[in-house]
C-alpha atoms as a PDB file:
ATOM      1  CA  UNK A   1     -20.779 -15.491 -11.485  1.00  0.00           C
ATOM      2  CA  UNK A   2     -21.429 -12.105  -9.980  1.00  0.00           C
ATOM      3  CA  UNK A   3     -20.162 -10.161  -7.002  1.00  0.00           C
ATOM      4  CA  UNK A   4     -22.496  -7.779  -5.179  1.00  0.00           C
ATOM      5  CA  UNK A   5     -20.095  -4.838  -4.861  1.00  0.00           C
ATOM      6  CA  UNK A   6     -19.207  -2.773  -7.930  1.00  0.00           C
ATOM      7  CA  UNK A   7     -15.588  -2.307  -6.825  1.00  0.00           C
ATOM      8  CA  UNK A   8     -13.531  -5.475  -6.677  1.00  0.00           C
ATOM      9  CA  UNK A   9      -9.947  -5.714  -5.478  1.00  0.00           C
ATOM     10  CA  UNK A  10      -8.082  -8.818  -6.581  1.00  0.00           C
ATOM     11  CA  UNK A  11      -5.310  -9.493  -4.096  1.00  0.00           C
ATOM     12  CA  UNK A  12      -2.855 -12.126  -2.942  1.00  0.00           C
ATOM     13  CA  UNK A  13      -1.956 -13.167   0.586  1.00  0.00           C
ATOM     14  CA  UNK A  14       1.287 -11.772   2.025  1.00  0.00           C
ATOM     15  CA  UNK A  15       1.565  -9.297  -0.857  1.00  0.00           C
ATOM     16  CA  UNK A  16       2.710  -5.813   0.185  1.00  0.00           C
ATOM     17  CA  UNK A  17       1.267  -4.243  -2.967  1.00  0.00           C
ATOM     18  CA  UNK A  18      -2.121  -5.824  -2.250  1.00  0.00           C
ATOM     19  CA  UNK A  19      -1.939  -4.377   1.262  1.00  0.00           C
ATOM     20  CA  UNK A  20      -1.150  -0.939  -0.191  1.00  0.00           C
ATOM     21  CA  UNK A  21      -4.322  -1.076  -2.292  1.00  0.00           C
ATOM     22  CA  UNK A  22      -6.441  -2.169   0.689  1.00  0.00           C
ATOM     23  CA  UNK A  23      -4.973   0.592   2.864  1.00  0.00           C
ATOM     24  CA  UNK A  24      -5.725   3.228   0.206  1.00  0.00           C
ATOM     25  CA  UNK A  25      -9.292   1.942  -0.099  1.00  0.00           C
ATOM     26  CA  UNK A  26      -9.779   2.011   3.675  1.00  0.00           C
ATOM     27  CA  UNK A  27      -8.342   5.533   4.026  1.00  0.00           C
ATOM     28  CA  UNK A  28     -10.885   6.647   1.425  1.00  0.00           C
ATOM     29  CA  UNK A  29     -13.743   4.761   3.051  1.00  0.00           C
ATOM     30  CA  UNK A  30     -14.279   2.889  -0.220  1.00  0.00           C
ATOM     31  CA  UNK A  31     -16.809   0.065  -0.257  1.00  0.00           C
ATOM     32  CA  UNK A  32     -15.193  -2.884  -1.975  1.00  0.00           C
ATOM     33  CA  UNK A  33     -15.032  -6.634  -2.114  1.00  0.00           C
ATOM     34  CA  UNK A  34     -11.633  -8.277  -1.809  1.00  0.00           C
ATOM     35  CA  UNK A  35     -11.118 -11.380  -3.906  1.00  0.00           C
ATOM     36  CA  UNK A  36      -8.148 -13.660  -3.420  1.00  0.00           C
ATOM     37  CA  UNK A  37      -6.588 -14.427  -6.790  1.00  0.00           C
ATOM     38  CA  UNK A  38      -5.937 -18.034  -5.822  1.00  0.00           C
ATOM     39  CA  UNK A  39      -9.608 -18.616  -4.995  1.00  0.00           C
ATOM     40  CA  UNK A  40     -11.161 -16.534  -7.774  1.00  0.00           C
ATOM     41  CA  UNK A  41      -8.865 -17.178 -10.738  1.00  0.00           C
ATOM     42  CA  UNK A  42     -11.753 -17.826 -13.153  1.00  0.00           C
ATOM     43  CA  UNK A  43     -13.556 -14.633 -12.154  1.00  0.00           C
ATOM     44  CA  UNK A  44     -10.298 -12.688 -12.454  1.00  0.00           C
ATOM     45  CA  UNK A  45      -9.744 -13.985 -15.974  1.00  0.00           C
ATOM     46  CA  UNK A  46     -13.322 -13.101 -16.910  1.00  0.00           C
ATOM     47  CA  UNK A  47     -12.519  -9.421 -16.279  1.00  0.00           C
ATOM     48  CA  UNK A  48      -9.020  -9.646 -17.810  1.00  0.00           C
ATOM     49  CA  UNK A  49      -7.139  -9.690 -14.503  1.00  0.00           C
ATOM     50  CA  UNK A  50      -3.988 -11.793 -14.693  1.00  0.00           C
ATOM     51  CA  UNK A  51      -2.015 -10.668 -11.640  1.00  0.00           C
ATOM     52  CA  UNK A  52      -2.554  -9.036  -8.284  1.00  0.00           C
ATOM     53  CA  UNK A  53      -3.212  -6.515  -7.068  1.00  0.00           C
ATOM     54  CA  UNK A  54      -5.841  -5.433  -9.547  1.00  0.00           C
ATOM     55  CA  UNK A  55      -8.962  -3.305  -9.466  1.00  0.00           C
ATOM     56  CA  UNK A  56     -12.176  -3.873 -11.377  1.00  0.00           C
ATOM     57  CA  UNK A  57     -14.773  -1.122 -11.096  1.00  0.00           C
ATOM     58  CA  UNK A  58     -17.593  -0.561 -13.566  1.00  0.00           C
ATOM     59  CA  UNK A  59     -15.843  -0.544 -16.960  1.00  0.00           C
ATOM     60  CA  UNK A  60     -12.343   0.000 -15.558  1.00  0.00           C
ATOM     61  CA  UNK A  61      -9.912  -2.838 -14.910  1.00  0.00           C
ATOM     62  CA  UNK A  62      -6.242  -2.282 -14.138  1.00  0.00           C
ATOM     63  CA  UNK A  63      -3.385  -4.154 -12.549  1.00  0.00           C
ATOM     64  CA  UNK A  64      -0.948  -1.235 -12.420  1.00  0.00           C
ATOM     65  CA  UNK A  65      -0.457  -0.242  -8.773  1.00  0.00           C
ATOM     66  CA  UNK A  66       0.078   3.477  -9.370  1.00  0.00           C
ATOM     67  CA  UNK A  67      -2.979   3.637 -11.641  1.00  0.00           C
ATOM     68  CA  UNK A  68      -5.102   1.797  -9.045  1.00  0.00           C
ATOM     69  CA  UNK A  69      -4.105   4.277  -6.333  1.00  0.00           C
ATOM     70  CA  UNK A  70      -4.706   7.321  -8.540  1.00  0.00           C
ATOM     71  CA  UNK A  71      -8.045   5.926  -9.717  1.00  0.00           C
ATOM     72  CA  UNK A  72      -9.172   5.431  -6.114  1.00  0.00           C
ATOM     73  CA  UNK A  73      -7.902   8.912  -5.243  1.00  0.00           C
ATOM     74  CA  UNK A  74      -9.733  10.617  -8.099  1.00  0.00           C
ATOM     75  CA  UNK A  75     -12.972   8.659  -7.765  1.00  0.00           C
ATOM     76  CA  UNK A  76     -13.117   9.309  -4.017  1.00  0.00           C
ATOM     77  CA  UNK A  77     -11.559  12.767  -3.503  1.00  0.00           C
ATOM     78  CA  UNK A  78     -11.558  12.928   0.311  1.00  0.00           C
ATOM     79  CA  UNK A  79      -9.101  12.757   1.897  1.00  0.00           C
ATOM     80  CA  UNK A  80      -6.757  13.466  -1.026  1.00  0.00           C
ATOM     81  CA  UNK A  81      -3.758  11.159  -1.241  1.00  0.00           C
ATOM     82  CA  UNK A  82      -1.936  13.314  -3.775  1.00  0.00           C
ATOM     83  CA  UNK A  83      -1.505  17.106  -3.555  1.00  0.00           C
ATOM     84  CA  UNK A  84      -3.440  19.375  -5.903  1.00  0.00           C
ATOM     85  CA  UNK A  85      -0.290  21.173  -7.064  1.00  0.00           C
ATOM     86  CA  UNK A  86       1.171  19.591 -10.210  1.00  0.00           C
ATOM     87  CA  UNK A  87       4.810  19.954  -9.134  1.00  0.00           C
ATOM     88  CA  UNK A  88       4.080  18.470  -5.710  1.00  0.00           C
ATOM     89  CA  UNK A  89       2.231  15.554  -7.296  1.00  0.00           C
ATOM     90  CA  UNK A  90       5.294  14.839  -9.447  1.00  0.00           C
ATOM     91  CA  UNK A  91       7.548  14.858  -6.360  1.00  0.00           C
ATOM     92  CA  UNK A  92       5.209  12.478  -4.525  1.00  0.00           C
ATOM     93  CA  UNK A  93       5.074  10.123  -7.505  1.00  0.00           C
ATOM     94  CA  UNK A  94       8.866  10.145  -7.763  1.00  0.00           C
ATOM     95  CA  UNK A  95       9.248   9.321  -4.061  1.00  0.00           C
ATOM     96  CA  UNK A  96       6.713   6.491  -4.222  1.00  0.00           C
ATOM     97  CA  UNK A  97       8.486   5.065  -7.262  1.00  0.00           C
ATOM     98  CA  UNK A  98      11.747   5.243  -5.328  1.00  0.00           C
ATOM     99  CA  UNK A  99      10.176   3.233  -2.502  1.00  0.00           C
ATOM    100  CA  UNK A 100       9.125   0.516  -4.930  1.00  0.00           C
ATOM    101  CA  UNK A 101      12.356   0.348  -6.913  1.00  0.00           C
ATOM    102  CA  UNK A 102      14.940   0.892  -4.186  1.00  0.00           C
ATOM    103  CA  UNK A 103      13.551   0.178  -0.717  1.00  0.00           C
ATOM    104  CA  UNK A 104      11.049  -2.627  -1.212  1.00  0.00           C
ATOM    105  CA  UNK A 105      13.483  -5.139  -2.807  1.00  0.00           C
ATOM    106  CA  UNK A 106      15.968  -4.627   0.039  1.00  0.00           C
ATOM    107  CA  UNK A 107      13.811  -6.378   2.628  1.00  0.00           C
ATOM    108  CA  UNK A 108      13.903  -9.796   0.953  1.00  0.00           C
ATOM    109  CA  UNK A 109      17.629  -9.524   0.278  1.00  0.00           C
ATOM    110  CA  UNK A 110      18.326  -8.381   3.847  1.00  0.00           C
ATOM    111  CA  UNK A 111      16.274 -11.279   5.243  1.00  0.00           C
ATOM    112  CA  UNK A 112      18.456 -13.661   3.232  1.00  0.00           C
ATOM    113  CA  UNK A 113      21.579 -12.251   4.892  1.00  0.00           C
ATOM    114  CA  UNK A 114      22.791  -9.974   2.101  1.00  0.00           C
ATOM    115  CA  UNK A 115      25.159  -7.626   3.979  1.00  0.00           C
ATOM    116  CA  UNK A 116      25.079  -4.954   1.273  1.00  0.00           C
ATOM    117  CA  UNK A 117      21.267  -4.948   1.301  1.00  0.00           C
ATOM    118  CA  UNK A 118      21.239  -4.683   5.097  1.00  0.00           C
ATOM    119  CA  UNK A 119      23.583  -1.683   4.964  1.00  0.00           C
ATOM    120  CA  UNK A 120      21.537  -0.012   2.219  1.00  0.00           C
ATOM    121  CA  UNK A 121      18.306  -0.591   4.119  1.00  0.00           C
ATOM    122  CA  UNK A 122      19.730   0.943   7.307  1.00  0.00           C
ATOM    123  CA  UNK A 123      20.773   4.037   5.331  1.00  0.00           C
ATOM    124  CA  UNK A 124      17.324   4.268   3.745  1.00  0.00           C
ATOM    125  CA  UNK A 125      15.612   3.905   7.129  1.00  0.00           C
ATOM    126  CA  UNK A 126      17.873   6.616   8.575  1.00  0.00           C
ATOM    127  CA  UNK A 127      16.763   8.992   5.820  1.00  0.00           C
ATOM    128  CA  UNK A 128      13.133   8.112   6.462  1.00  0.00           C
ATOM    129  CA  UNK A 129      13.630   8.672  10.193  1.00  0.00           C
ATOM    130  CA  UNK A 130      14.563  12.297   9.508  1.00  0.00           C
ATOM    131  CA  UNK A 131      11.664  12.743   7.065  1.00  0.00           C
ATOM    132  CA  UNK A 132       9.008  11.867   9.647  1.00  0.00           C
ATOM    133  CA  UNK A 133      10.562  13.872  12.475  1.00  0.00           C
ATOM    134  CA  UNK A 134       8.147  16.530  13.695  1.00  0.00           C
ATOM    135  CA  UNK A 135       5.292  15.348  11.469  1.00  0.00           C
ATOM    136  CA  UNK A 136       2.207  13.250  12.091  1.00  0.00           C
ATOM    137  CA  UNK A 137       2.670  11.531   8.740  1.00  0.00           C
ATOM    138  CA  UNK A 138       5.429  11.146   6.146  1.00  0.00           C
ATOM    139  CA  UNK A 139       6.925  14.653   5.763  1.00  0.00           C
ATOM    140  CA  UNK A 140       3.411  16.044   6.277  1.00  0.00           C
ATOM    141  CA  UNK A 141       0.672  16.485   8.829  1.00  0.00           C
ATOM    142  CA  UNK A 142      -1.872  14.991   6.425  1.00  0.00           C
ATOM    143  CA  UNK A 143      -2.032  11.382   5.318  1.00  0.00           C
ATOM    144  CA  UNK A 144      -0.905  10.878   1.735  1.00  0.00           C
ATOM    145  CA  UNK A 145       0.074   8.315  -0.867  1.00  0.00           C
ATOM    146  CA  UNK A 146       3.488   8.134   0.809  1.00  0.00           C
ATOM    147  CA  UNK A 147       1.956   6.788   4.023  1.00  0.00           C
ATOM    148  CA  UNK A 148      -0.333   4.457   2.103  1.00  0.00           C
ATOM    149  CA  UNK A 149       2.760   3.078   0.372  1.00  0.00           C
ATOM    150  CA  UNK A 150       5.265   2.903   3.221  1.00  0.00           C
ATOM    151  CA  UNK A 151       2.871   1.706   5.946  1.00  0.00           C
ATOM    152  CA  UNK A 152       2.296  -1.783   4.508  1.00  0.00           C
ATOM    153  CA  UNK A 153       6.028  -2.170   3.828  1.00  0.00           C
ATOM    154  CA  UNK A 154       6.852  -1.258   7.434  1.00  0.00           C
ATOM    155  CA  UNK A 155       4.226  -3.757   8.585  1.00  0.00           C
ATOM    156  CA  UNK A 156       5.759  -6.503   6.434  1.00  0.00           C
ATOM    157  CA  UNK A 157       9.207  -5.566   7.723  1.00  0.00           C
ATOM    158  CA  UNK A 158       7.959  -5.778  11.306  1.00  0.00           C
ATOM    159  CA  UNK A 159       6.422  -9.194  10.653  1.00  0.00           C
ATOM    160  CA  UNK A 160       9.777 -10.275   9.214  1.00  0.00           C
ATOM    161  CA  UNK A 161      11.505  -9.309  12.467  1.00  0.00           C
ATOM    162  CA  UNK A 162      12.921  -5.896  11.544  1.00  0.00           C
ATOM    163  CA  UNK A 163      13.369  -3.690  14.607  1.00  0.00           C
ATOM    164  CA  UNK A 164      12.968   0.067  14.246  1.00  0.00           C
ATOM    165  CA  UNK A 165      14.103   0.829  17.809  1.00  0.00           C
ATOM    166  CA  UNK A 166      17.269   2.576  16.631  1.00  0.00           C
ATOM    167  CA  UNK A 167      15.115   4.876  14.473  1.00  0.00           C
ATOM    168  CA  UNK A 168      13.065   6.584  17.176  1.00  0.00           C
ATOM    169  CA  UNK A 169      10.969   8.895  15.005  1.00  0.00           C
ATOM    170  CA  UNK A 170      10.344   6.270  12.336  1.00  0.00           C
ATOM    171  CA  UNK A 171       9.351   3.754  15.012  1.00  0.00           C
ATOM    172  CA  UNK A 172       6.856   6.222  16.520  1.00  0.00           C
ATOM    173  CA  UNK A 173       5.544   7.012  13.030  1.00  0.00           C
ATOM    174  CA  UNK A 174       5.034   3.314  12.300  1.00  0.00           C
ATOM    175  CA  UNK A 175       3.161   2.873  15.583  1.00  0.00           C
ATOM    176  CA  UNK A 176       0.871   5.797  14.708  1.00  0.00           C
ATOM    177  CA  UNK A 177       0.130   4.358  11.278  1.00  0.00           C
ATOM    178  CA  UNK A 178      -0.496   0.855  12.596  1.00  0.00           C
ATOM    179  CA  UNK A 179      -2.965   2.248  15.151  1.00  0.00           C
ATOM    180  CA  UNK A 180      -5.109   3.976  12.510  1.00  0.00           C
ATOM    181  CA  UNK A 181      -8.555   2.451  12.099  1.00  0.00           C
ATOM    182  CA  UNK A 182      -8.052   2.411   8.332  1.00  0.00           C
ATOM    183  CA  UNK A 183      -4.772   0.527   8.707  1.00  0.00           C
ATOM    184  CA  UNK A 184      -6.262  -2.003  11.088  1.00  0.00           C
ATOM    185  CA  UNK A 185      -9.144  -2.543   8.650  1.00  0.00           C
ATOM    186  CA  UNK A 186      -6.660  -3.058   5.808  1.00  0.00           C
ATOM    187  CA  UNK A 187      -5.199  -6.033   7.676  1.00  0.00           C
ATOM    188  CA  UNK A 188      -8.510  -7.878   7.455  1.00  0.00           C
ATOM    189  CA  UNK A 189     -10.326  -9.144   4.415  1.00  0.00           C
ATOM    190  CA  UNK A 190     -13.636  -7.872   3.074  1.00  0.00           C
ATOM    191  CA  UNK A 191     -14.057 -10.997   1.039  1.00  0.00           C
ATOM    192  CA  UNK A 192     -17.193 -12.449  -0.440  1.00  0.00           C
ATOM    193  CA  UNK A 193     -17.941 -15.684  -2.174  1.00  0.00           C
ATOM    194  CA  UNK A 194     -19.011 -15.516  -5.780  1.00  0.00           C
ATOM    195  CA  UNK A 195     -22.705 -16.049  -6.255  1.00  0.00           C
ATOM    196  CA  UNK A 196     -24.287 -17.700  -9.241  1.00  0.00           C
END
């Protein structure tokens, strides 16, 4: 089997991390083929992909989300998702890791009625509300890895029925992100059937 595009993104439906990878690729204007893991399991195994999301490009294959994002960022420099300054890059990485470890798990727990998770999520959203105030993007006027990370989570939260109305600035920020052409494109699927 072969796929016409060099860059392949192996994803899964309703997976926030898969959406993050698609959004990053769209922000960069990357040409890629999206392959659903459920439909292309044999092809995934042939390039040593065992879970999604994963990227396969030339001789590089990785299933680590942070490595995928940094690979895309370095291979396609414009617009940069991470700052050039080493200290700033470390701060961005730390914040993104915090999103994944602390915020992301709260949504599922909150949906299941966990009162503590709901309280923690409200506090987290309040902090985020202040961080987007006065900015076009997340604590910045330039799109970055923070937006690429938080946008898909906010979309999933919206689809799950979470209302941001009490967080005025965060709600406006989410609307701006969702309206981006790159975000809209990341909702679709650039999929292709494997050819013999």
